[in-house]
Amino acid sequence: MSASQRPGITPYALVWIGTMLAWVALILFIYYRQWQSTGVEDSGLGNDIRNGVLAITALVGLAFGGHWLWKVRSAVAKDPAAMASAQATTAAAATPRGRMLAGEGERYVLEVRGLGLAVDRYYQEDTWRLFKDKDDNYLSVLSKDPKDYDPNTRIGDATIAANASFGYAAKNAVERWPLPVIIIGPPKTIDDGSSMAHAIAYKRQAASLGLTLFLWQEDDNTASAQATLEKLFRFFDEHPDVPEVLLVTQDGEGPRYRWKSPGMPDKRPEAPHVPLLPDSMTALLVARSDRVDRLVRPYAVDVDDGINKDDTQYDIIKLWNFFWDKSDSQEEGSFDAYYRKLAAEKHYASDYPPGTMKADWWIAQLPELWKQINNKGPGEFKPSPYLPVRWARWQVQQFDESPLLGYLHRPVHVPLTDEQGKPLKRAGQVEALRKGWAQAVSALPEDAKPT
């Protein structure tokens, strides 16, 4: 409901003030006449004034609330987009998926819409086949024979597998919309300004994702899976307009030599050898379809999916052109120019831009874009940092067609140390794990069991 449709509070405030003054005047007049006729001062004056003021306030408040509710219902009835949003939200809440997404706090979940996995030179179904064929939880699925790791091909094969895993997850993202990426690498000891963000543009190119836009949302170098997942959930908590995010993690002997991770030898062996840690990458595309139902679907516009950069009458193309103007240009006002200046100020080892814009920098440029768009379409769509323009209906269809592979639950922290930071004894660890497991299982729906 727009500001012009909301009931004004001023008339109600004037009625409240006028009625209250009239009530006070009436009570004072009654008590004055009583005093004149009897000569006795009644002690109930304050109570009568107070009770009257409270009653008047309650009645005016109820009238204003009823007026507001009537206006809201009228606005929804007149606005097909708002009605569609309300109907979609109600219908979705009644489905198993809706009940999953209704969880809050520890029950809050993310939908897994895309998954890519690579270990050494294997990726996707080849990786799963390794686990199935080995069928042993205590043995590595990879070879222990150094001859199976040819230094002339191993690194290239692992890179191909990692790029493929990135593509398998990211290909399900909505095209022509800036997708936030959180990318995580192994621990590092070097501090030369380089970051995992440099890998985003390279892997986008390698996976041939020409229509997918990426934003460098956050990067980190850590060995903690829990910290990574907490970072992901916190991002969704802090940004309620984000429909989906790509989480990418990379580790292994190669990346650890690159980042000079703690505990790694100074020099990488040149001869064939079993890697200290297999090169691996995992990419997860996670989403919240309830946000699409509420913030996107009712306001989607009919735009042909065959449009190109010259079709500037559409906001989606204005976004596309604006994105690449800010990303690819070398002139002042572009991200590359900003990054090179930042690199010089902070004395980075290299001023070569990562090829993917930092999300907070991009968001700061959006007011310039919003001056250009017309925002025409059903309902009252309000542009926001992660939904800067309306989606086209084919983008909504793309989202709907992405597979729902499962749910990612909020991680449960199980401390295995006491208040002084000392490791718990065996019995204490078992009890802590038991409580943690019970807490994790309690977050599942009542009719769901862990598998």
Protein backbone atom coordinates (compact mmCIF):
# COMPACT_ATOMS: atom_id res chain seq x y z
CA MET A 1 0.00 0.00 0.00
CA SER A 2 1.45 3.34 -1.05
CA ALA A 3 1.68 6.41 1.18
CA SER A 4 -1.16 8.06 -0.73
CA GLN A 5 -3.45 5.11 0.04
CA ARG A 6 -2.78 5.02 3.78
CA PRO A 7 -5.36 6.61 6.12
CA GLY A 8 -4.13 9.95 7.45
CA ILE A 9 -3.45 10.09 11.17
CA THR A 10 -3.98 13.86 11.44
CA PRO A 11 -7.83 13.76 11.44
CA TYR A 12 -7.82 11.08 14.11
CA ALA A 13 -5.33 13.03 16.21
CA LEU A 14 -7.52 16.14 15.99
CA VAL A 15 -10.63 14.14 16.93
CA TRP A 16 -8.74 12.61 19.87
CA ILE A 17 -7.52 15.98 21.13
CA GLY A 18 -10.91 17.65 20.66
CA THR A 19 -12.86 14.85 22.33
CA MET A 20 -10.38 14.66 25.20
CA LEU A 21 -10.60 18.42 25.84
CA ALA A 22 -14.39 18.28 25.70
CA TRP A 23 -14.41 15.39 28.18
CA VAL A 24 -12.11 17.20 30.61
CA ALA A 25 -14.22 20.36 30.35
CA LEU A 26 -17.42 18.38 30.97
CA ILE A 27 -16.03 16.64 34.06
CA LEU A 28 -14.70 19.91 35.48
CA PHE A 29 -18.09 21.56 34.92
CA ILE A 30 -19.96 18.69 36.63
CA TYR A 31 -17.66 18.70 39.65
CA TYR A 32 -17.80 22.50 39.87
CA ARG A 33 -21.63 22.49 39.95
CA GLN A 34 -21.57 19.77 42.59
CA TRP A 35 -19.18 21.79 44.73
CA GLN A 36 -21.34 24.91 44.34
CA SER A 37 -24.46 23.10 45.45
CA THR A 38 -23.01 21.03 48.33
CA GLY A 39 -19.83 22.80 49.34
CA VAL A 40 -18.11 19.41 49.37
CA GLU A 41 -15.10 18.65 47.10
CA ASP A 42 -15.36 15.17 45.52
CA SER A 43 -12.06 13.19 45.41
CA GLY A 44 -12.99 11.25 42.25
CA LEU A 45 -12.14 14.04 39.79
CA GLY A 46 -8.77 12.58 38.71
CA ASN A 47 -10.12 9.07 38.24
CA ASP A 48 -13.02 10.24 36.07
CA ILE A 49 -10.74 12.31 33.84
CA ARG A 50 -8.24 9.43 33.50
CA ASN A 51 -10.87 6.82 32.70
CA GLY A 52 -12.45 9.05 30.10
CA VAL A 53 -9.12 9.80 28.42
CA LEU A 54 -8.29 6.07 28.27
CA ALA A 55 -11.69 5.22 26.80
CA ILE A 56 -11.43 7.97 24.19
CA THR A 57 -7.90 6.85 23.24
CA ALA A 58 -9.04 3.24 22.84
CA LEU A 59 -12.04 4.15 20.69
CA VAL A 60 -10.03 6.46 18.41
CA GLY A 61 -7.30 3.81 18.14
CA LEU A 62 -9.82 1.13 17.17
CA ALA A 63 -11.35 3.44 14.58
CA PHE A 64 -7.95 4.22 13.06
CA GLY A 65 -6.95 0.53 13.05
CA GLY A 66 -10.20 -0.46 11.37
CA HIS A 67 -9.75 2.26 8.76
CA TRP A 68 -6.18 1.06 8.08
CA LEU A 69 -7.29 -2.57 7.72
CA TRP A 70 -10.08 -1.57 5.33
CA LYS A 71 -7.60 0.44 3.24
CA VAL A 72 -5.17 -2.50 3.11
CA ARG A 73 -7.86 -4.90 1.95
CA SER A 74 -9.10 -2.41 -0.63
CA ALA A 75 -5.56 -1.88 -1.94
CA VAL A 76 -4.97 -5.63 -2.24
CA ALA A 77 -8.30 -6.10 -4.02
CA LYS A 78 -7.47 -3.34 -6.51
CA ASP A 79 -3.85 -4.42 -7.06
CA PRO A 80 -3.58 -7.74 -8.95
CA ALA A 81 0.12 -8.00 -8.11
CA ALA A 82 -0.48 -7.63 -4.39
CA MET A 83 -3.35 -10.13 -4.56
CA ALA A 84 -1.18 -12.57 -6.51
CA SER A 85 1.59 -12.18 -3.95
CA ALA A 86 -0.79 -12.85 -1.07
CA GLN A 87 -2.34 -15.85 -2.83
CA ALA A 88 1.06 -17.28 -3.77
CA THR A 89 2.33 -16.89 -0.22
CA THR A 90 -0.77 -18.56 1.24
CA ALA A 91 -0.69 -21.42 -1.26
CA ALA A 92 3.04 -22.02 -0.83
CA ALA A 93 2.76 -22.11 2.95
CA ALA A 94 0.41 -25.11 2.71
CA THR A 95 2.91 -27.26 0.77
CA PRO A 96 5.70 -29.40 2.28
CA ARG A 97 8.23 -26.95 0.84
CA GLY A 98 6.30 -24.06 2.36
CA ARG A 99 6.35 -25.70 5.77
CA MET A 100 10.11 -26.19 5.47
CA LEU A 101 10.65 -22.56 4.52
CA ALA A 102 8.40 -21.36 7.34
CA GLY A 103 11.01 -22.39 9.90
CA GLU A 104 12.83 -19.66 11.81
CA GLY A 105 15.91 -19.55 13.98
CA GLU A 106 17.41 -23.04 14.24
CA ARG A 107 14.76 -24.33 11.79
CA TYR A 108 15.72 -21.84 9.06
CA VAL A 109 16.76 -23.66 5.88
CA LEU A 110 18.07 -22.85 2.42
CA GLU A 111 17.01 -24.67 -0.73
CA VAL A 112 19.82 -26.36 -2.66
CA ARG A 113 19.17 -25.51 -6.33
CA GLY A 114 22.52 -26.44 -7.83
CA LEU A 115 25.48 -28.62 -6.81
CA GLY A 116 28.94 -29.09 -8.24
CA LEU A 117 31.60 -31.37 -6.77
CA ALA A 118 35.15 -32.12 -7.88
CA VAL A 119 37.87 -34.21 -6.23
CA ASP A 120 41.22 -34.48 -7.99
CA ARG A 121 40.39 -35.06 -11.69
CA TYR A 122 36.94 -36.47 -10.99
CA TYR A 123 33.72 -34.47 -10.90
CA GLN A 124 29.98 -34.94 -10.50
CA GLU A 125 28.82 -38.54 -11.13
CA ASP A 126 32.42 -39.76 -11.48
CA THR A 127 33.06 -38.63 -7.91
CA TRP A 128 29.96 -40.34 -6.57
CA ARG A 129 30.91 -43.50 -8.47
CA LEU A 130 34.28 -43.54 -6.68
CA PHE A 131 32.56 -43.54 -3.30
CA LYS A 132 30.11 -46.21 -4.39
CA ASP A 133 32.79 -48.48 -5.84
CA LYS A 134 35.07 -48.16 -2.81
CA ASP A 135 32.20 -48.65 -0.34
CA ASP A 136 34.45 -48.13 2.67
CA ASN A 137 34.14 -45.20 5.05
CA TYR A 138 37.71 -45.63 6.30
CA LEU A 139 39.67 -45.71 3.04
CA SER A 140 40.41 -42.95 0.56
CA VAL A 141 38.67 -43.30 -2.78
CA LEU A 142 41.80 -41.97 -4.52
CA SER A 143 44.83 -43.96 -5.54
CA LYS A 144 47.82 -44.26 -3.22
CA ASP A 145 50.20 -45.04 -6.10
CA PRO A 146 52.43 -42.02 -7.03
CA LYS A 147 52.54 -43.25 -10.64
CA ASP A 148 48.85 -42.37 -10.98
CA TYR A 149 49.66 -38.68 -10.48
CA ASP A 150 51.49 -37.48 -13.58
CA PRO A 151 52.75 -33.93 -12.82
CA ASN A 152 52.41 -33.01 -16.50
CA THR A 153 48.65 -33.60 -16.57
CA ARG A 154 47.41 -33.77 -12.97
CA ILE A 155 47.13 -30.03 -12.37
CA GLY A 156 45.37 -29.43 -15.67
CA ASP A 157 42.93 -32.28 -15.10
CA ALA A 158 42.11 -31.03 -11.60
CA THR A 159 41.52 -27.52 -12.96
CA ILE A 160 39.14 -28.84 -15.61
CA ALA A 161 37.23 -30.77 -12.94
CA ALA A 162 37.01 -27.71 -10.67
CA ASN A 163 35.76 -25.51 -13.50
CA ALA A 164 33.15 -28.10 -14.39
CA SER A 165 31.88 -28.29 -10.81
CA PHE A 166 31.51 -24.50 -10.74
CA GLY A 167 29.49 -24.64 -13.94
CA TYR A 168 27.23 -27.46 -12.77
CA ALA A 169 26.06 -25.36 -9.82
CA ALA A 170 26.03 -21.91 -11.41
CA LYS A 171 24.22 -22.94 -14.61
CA ASN A 172 20.97 -23.15 -12.64
CA ALA A 173 21.17 -19.51 -11.57
CA VAL A 174 18.85 -16.91 -13.08
CA GLU A 175 20.46 -15.24 -16.09
CA ARG A 176 20.91 -11.48 -16.59
CA TRP A 177 20.63 -10.90 -12.85
CA PRO A 178 23.65 -10.16 -10.59
CA LEU A 179 24.21 -13.31 -8.52
CA PRO A 180 26.08 -12.84 -5.20
CA VAL A 181 29.03 -15.21 -4.81
CA ILE A 182 30.70 -16.18 -1.54
CA ILE A 183 34.00 -17.87 -2.35
CA ILE A 184 36.25 -19.58 0.19
CA GLY A 185 39.84 -20.80 -0.12
CA PRO A 186 42.31 -22.54 2.20
CA PRO A 187 44.12 -20.76 5.04
CA LYS A 188 46.90 -18.42 3.94
CA THR A 189 49.98 -16.73 5.31
CA ILE A 190 50.58 -14.26 2.47
CA ASP A 191 49.00 -10.82 2.56
CA ASP A 192 49.62 -9.26 -0.84
CA GLY A 193 46.10 -8.10 -1.65
CA SER A 194 45.19 -11.09 -3.79
CA SER A 195 41.93 -12.88 -3.05
CA MET A 196 39.83 -15.85 -4.03
CA ALA A 197 37.59 -13.41 -5.93
CA HIS A 198 40.00 -13.52 -8.87
CA ALA A 199 38.78 -17.07 -9.55
CA ILE A 200 35.13 -16.09 -10.15
CA ALA A 201 35.57 -14.47 -13.57
CA TYR A 202 37.99 -17.19 -14.69
CA LYS A 203 35.60 -19.99 -13.79
CA ARG A 204 32.66 -18.13 -15.32
CA GLN A 205 34.56 -18.01 -18.59
CA ALA A 206 35.70 -21.63 -18.36
CA ALA A 207 32.12 -22.80 -17.71
CA SER A 208 30.77 -20.74 -20.66
CA LEU A 209 28.27 -18.87 -18.50
CA GLY A 210 28.02 -15.87 -20.80
CA LEU A 211 24.58 -14.72 -19.64
CA THR A 212 25.15 -15.16 -15.91
CA LEU A 213 26.21 -12.07 -13.96
CA PHE A 214 28.29 -12.53 -10.82
CA LEU A 215 28.99 -10.27 -7.85
CA TRP A 216 31.95 -10.72 -5.54
CA GLN A 217 29.93 -10.74 -2.33
CA GLU A 218 32.53 -12.07 0.06
CA ASP A 219 35.77 -14.04 0.09
CA ASP A 220 37.75 -15.68 2.83
CA ASN A 221 40.59 -18.10 3.47
CA THR A 222 39.70 -20.56 6.19
CA ALA A 223 39.70 -24.26 6.99
CA SER A 224 36.46 -24.05 8.97
CA ALA A 225 33.40 -25.50 7.26
CA GLN A 226 31.22 -24.28 10.11
CA ALA A 227 32.41 -20.68 9.76
CA THR A 228 31.69 -20.86 6.03
CA LEU A 229 28.12 -22.09 6.52
CA GLU A 230 27.49 -19.58 9.30
CA LYS A 231 28.69 -16.85 6.94
CA LEU A 232 26.19 -18.03 4.32
CA PHE A 233 23.22 -18.12 6.68
CA ARG A 234 24.15 -14.78 8.21
CA PHE A 235 24.14 -13.24 4.74
CA PHE A 236 20.58 -14.40 4.14
CA ASP A 237 19.57 -13.14 7.59
CA GLU A 238 21.01 -9.68 6.95
CA HIS A 239 19.70 -9.28 3.38
CA PRO A 240 16.00 -10.22 3.12
CA ASP A 241 15.83 -9.29 -0.58
CA VAL A 242 18.36 -11.93 -1.73
CA PRO A 243 16.65 -14.78 -3.64
CA GLU A 244 19.73 -16.96 -4.28
CA VAL A 245 23.48 -17.13 -3.62
CA LEU A 246 26.36 -19.18 -5.00
CA LEU A 247 28.74 -20.60 -2.39
CA VAL A 248 32.11 -21.83 -3.71
CA THR A 249 34.85 -23.54 -1.70
CA GLN A 250 38.23 -24.69 -2.99
CA ASP A 251 41.04 -26.55 -1.26
CA GLY A 252 43.83 -28.99 -1.97
CA GLU A 253 47.57 -29.26 -2.36
CA GLY A 254 47.69 -26.87 -5.31
CA PRO A 255 45.69 -24.06 -3.66
CA ARG A 256 47.57 -24.51 -0.39
CA TYR A 257 50.93 -24.07 -2.12
CA ARG A 258 49.47 -21.04 -3.90
CA TRP A 259 48.36 -19.43 -0.64
CA LYS A 260 51.34 -20.71 1.39
CA SER A 261 49.00 -22.31 3.89
CA PRO A 262 50.38 -23.11 7.34
CA GLY A 263 52.08 -26.50 7.54
CA MET A 264 52.88 -26.78 3.83
CA PRO A 265 56.46 -27.54 2.67
CA ASP A 266 58.38 -24.66 1.16
CA LYS A 267 58.66 -26.30 -2.25
CA ARG A 268 56.29 -28.47 -4.23
CA PRO A 269 57.80 -31.84 -5.36
CA GLU A 270 58.43 -32.07 -9.09
CA ALA A 271 58.36 -35.87 -9.25
CA PRO A 272 55.13 -37.90 -9.29
CA HIS A 273 53.74 -38.10 -5.76
CA VAL A 274 50.52 -38.68 -3.88
CA PRO A 275 49.14 -35.20 -3.05
CA LEU A 276 49.26 -34.18 0.59
CA LEU A 277 45.66 -33.09 0.11
CA PRO A 278 43.60 -33.78 -3.04
CA ASP A 279 42.54 -30.73 -5.01
CA SER A 280 38.81 -30.23 -4.58
CA MET A 281 36.00 -27.80 -5.20
CA THR A 282 32.39 -27.64 -4.10
CA ALA A 283 29.83 -25.18 -5.45
CA LEU A 284 26.35 -24.80 -3.98
CA LEU A 285 23.57 -22.67 -5.42
CA VAL A 286 21.18 -22.00 -2.55
CA ALA A 287 17.92 -20.09 -2.65
CA ARG A 288 14.70 -19.10 -0.90
CA SER A 289 11.73 -19.56 -3.21
CA ASP A 290 9.43 -17.81 -0.74
CA ARG A 291 11.32 -14.59 -1.45
CA VAL A 292 10.77 -15.06 -5.16
CA ASP A 293 7.06 -15.67 -4.54
CA ARG A 294 6.77 -12.54 -2.42
CA LEU A 295 9.22 -10.04 -3.93
CA VAL A 296 9.60 -11.08 -7.58
CA ARG A 297 6.81 -13.17 -9.07
CA PRO A 298 3.90 -10.69 -8.63
CA TYR A 299 5.87 -7.90 -10.30
CA ALA A 300 7.44 -9.80 -13.21
CA VAL A 301 7.08 -8.30 -16.69
CA ASP A 302 6.52 -9.81 -20.12
CA VAL A 303 9.82 -9.48 -21.96
CA ASP A 304 11.06 -11.68 -24.79
CA ASP A 305 14.00 -13.87 -23.76
CA GLY A 306 15.65 -13.17 -27.12
CA ILE A 307 16.41 -9.54 -26.27
CA ASN A 308 19.92 -8.11 -26.62
CA LYS A 309 21.90 -5.11 -25.45
CA ASP A 310 20.27 -2.84 -28.03
CA ASP A 311 16.76 -3.35 -26.61
CA THR A 312 17.21 -0.51 -24.15
CA GLN A 313 13.48 0.09 -23.70
CA TYR A 314 13.53 -2.74 -21.15
CA ASP A 315 14.82 -2.28 -17.61
CA ILE A 316 16.46 -5.70 -17.68
CA ILE A 317 18.66 -4.54 -20.58
CA LYS A 318 19.36 -1.23 -18.86
CA LEU A 319 20.61 -3.30 -15.92
CA TRP A 320 22.68 -5.52 -18.24
CA ASN A 321 24.34 -2.59 -20.01
CA PHE A 322 24.89 -0.68 -16.78
CA PHE A 323 26.48 -3.75 -15.19
CA TRP A 324 29.00 -4.22 -18.00
CA ASP A 325 29.71 -0.49 -18.29
CA LYS A 326 30.74 -0.50 -14.65
CA SER A 327 32.55 -3.84 -14.87
CA ASP A 328 34.48 -3.68 -18.16
CA SER A 329 35.26 -0.01 -18.61
CA GLN A 330 38.75 1.21 -17.75
CA GLU A 331 37.61 4.81 -17.33
CA GLU A 332 37.04 6.76 -14.14
CA GLY A 333 33.87 5.57 -12.42
CA SER A 334 34.38 1.92 -13.31
CA PHE A 335 35.19 -0.86 -10.87
CA ASP A 336 38.54 -1.53 -12.55
CA ALA A 337 39.56 2.10 -12.02
CA TYR A 338 38.41 1.90 -8.40
CA TYR A 339 40.32 -1.33 -7.82
CA ARG A 340 43.56 -0.07 -9.35
CA LYS A 341 43.41 3.01 -7.15
CA LEU A 342 42.72 0.85 -4.09
CA ALA A 343 45.62 -1.48 -4.98
CA ALA A 344 47.98 1.49 -5.22
CA GLU A 345 46.82 2.92 -1.89
CA LYS A 346 47.17 -0.41 -0.07
CA HIS A 347 50.33 -1.48 -1.91
CA TYR A 348 48.95 -4.71 -3.34
CA ALA A 349 51.44 -6.96 -5.11
CA SER A 350 49.34 -6.58 -8.26
CA ASP A 351 46.76 -4.01 -9.33
CA TYR A 352 45.17 -6.42 -11.82
CA PRO A 353 41.39 -6.28 -11.20
CA PRO A 354 39.64 -9.55 -10.29
CA GLY A 355 37.16 -9.23 -13.16
CA THR A 356 34.16 -9.40 -10.82
CA MET A 357 32.74 -6.35 -9.10
CA LYS A 358 32.61 -6.17 -5.31
CA ALA A 359 28.98 -6.27 -4.22
CA ASP A 360 29.10 -3.27 -1.89
CA TRP A 361 30.76 -1.14 -4.58
CA TRP A 362 28.13 -2.23 -7.13
CA ILE A 363 25.28 -1.46 -4.73
CA ALA A 364 26.67 2.05 -4.23
CA GLN A 365 26.30 2.64 -7.99
CA LEU A 366 22.65 1.58 -8.18
CA PRO A 367 21.09 5.02 -7.57
CA GLU A 368 22.57 5.99 -10.94
CA LEU A 369 20.80 3.01 -12.57
CA TRP A 370 17.51 3.72 -10.81
CA LYS A 371 17.39 7.15 -12.44
CA GLN A 372 17.37 5.42 -15.84
CA ILE A 373 14.73 2.70 -15.39
CA ASN A 374 10.99 3.20 -15.86
CA ASN A 375 9.90 0.44 -13.43
CA LYS A 376 6.73 -0.21 -15.42
CA GLY A 377 4.78 -3.36 -14.69
CA PRO A 378 2.17 -4.88 -12.40
CA GLY A 379 1.98 -3.71 -8.81
CA GLU A 380 4.29 -1.41 -6.87
CA PHE A 381 7.72 -2.98 -7.21
CA LYS A 382 10.34 -1.37 -4.98
CA PRO A 383 13.90 -1.75 -6.33
CA SER A 384 16.40 -2.93 -3.72
CA PRO A 385 20.16 -3.68 -3.63
CA TYR A 386 19.80 -7.32 -4.69
CA LEU A 387 16.66 -6.88 -6.78
CA PRO A 388 17.50 -3.65 -8.62
CA VAL A 389 14.90 -4.14 -11.40
CA ARG A 390 11.89 -6.34 -12.04
CA TRP A 391 12.55 -9.83 -13.31
CA ALA A 392 11.09 -10.92 -16.62
CA ARG A 393 8.63 -13.81 -16.54
CA TRP A 394 11.16 -16.04 -18.29
CA GLN A 395 13.59 -15.36 -15.44
CA VAL A 396 10.96 -16.46 -12.94
CA GLN A 397 10.43 -19.56 -15.08
CA GLN A 398 14.19 -20.21 -15.03
CA PHE A 399 14.12 -20.09 -11.26
CA ASP A 400 11.11 -22.41 -11.08
CA GLU A 401 12.77 -24.92 -13.41
CA SER A 402 15.95 -25.17 -11.35
CA PRO A 403 15.86 -28.49 -9.46
CA LEU A 404 15.23 -28.67 -5.73
CA LEU A 405 17.99 -31.05 -4.64
CA GLY A 406 17.38 -30.76 -0.92
CA TYR A 407 17.70 -28.39 2.01
CA LEU A 408 20.69 -26.96 3.81
CA HIS A 409 20.03 -26.57 7.53
CA ARG A 410 21.54 -23.96 9.79
CA PRO A 411 24.70 -25.45 11.36
CA VAL A 412 24.72 -26.47 15.01
CA HIS A 413 27.82 -25.56 17.00
CA VAL A 414 29.07 -28.34 19.29
CA PRO A 415 31.94 -27.15 21.54
CA LEU A 416 34.38 -29.92 22.46
CA THR A 417 36.25 -27.75 24.96
CA ASP A 418 35.36 -26.51 28.43
CA GLU A 419 35.04 -22.90 29.63
CA GLN A 420 38.84 -22.64 29.92
CA GLY A 421 39.36 -23.86 26.37
CA LYS A 422 40.70 -27.26 27.41
CA PRO A 423 39.58 -30.33 25.42
CA LEU A 424 36.76 -32.29 27.01
CA LYS A 425 37.43 -35.82 28.17
CA ARG A 426 36.02 -38.72 26.18
CA ALA A 427 32.77 -38.90 28.13
CA GLY A 428 32.30 -35.13 27.88
CA GLN A 429 32.83 -35.19 24.13
CA VAL A 430 30.28 -37.98 23.71
CA GLU A 431 27.74 -36.05 25.77
CA ALA A 432 28.37 -32.83 23.82
CA LEU A 433 27.92 -34.65 20.52
CA ARG A 434 24.74 -36.30 21.81
CA LYS A 435 23.26 -32.92 22.73
CA GLY A 436 24.36 -31.41 19.44
CA TRP A 437 22.77 -34.23 17.46
CA ALA A 438 19.53 -33.86 19.42
CA GLN A 439 19.55 -30.13 18.72
CA ALA A 440 20.14 -30.70 15.00
CA VAL A 441 17.38 -33.33 14.72
CA SER A 442 14.94 -31.10 16.62
CA ALA A 443 15.23 -28.55 13.80
CA LEU A 444 13.74 -31.03 11.30
CA PRO A 445 10.00 -31.05 10.54
CA GLU A 446 7.96 -33.31 12.78
CA ASP A 447 7.37 -35.85 10.00
CA ALA A 448 11.02 -35.88 8.83
CA LYS A 449 13.77 -38.24 9.90
CA PRO A 450 17.52 -37.94 9.24
CA THR A 451 18.84 -40.23 6.51
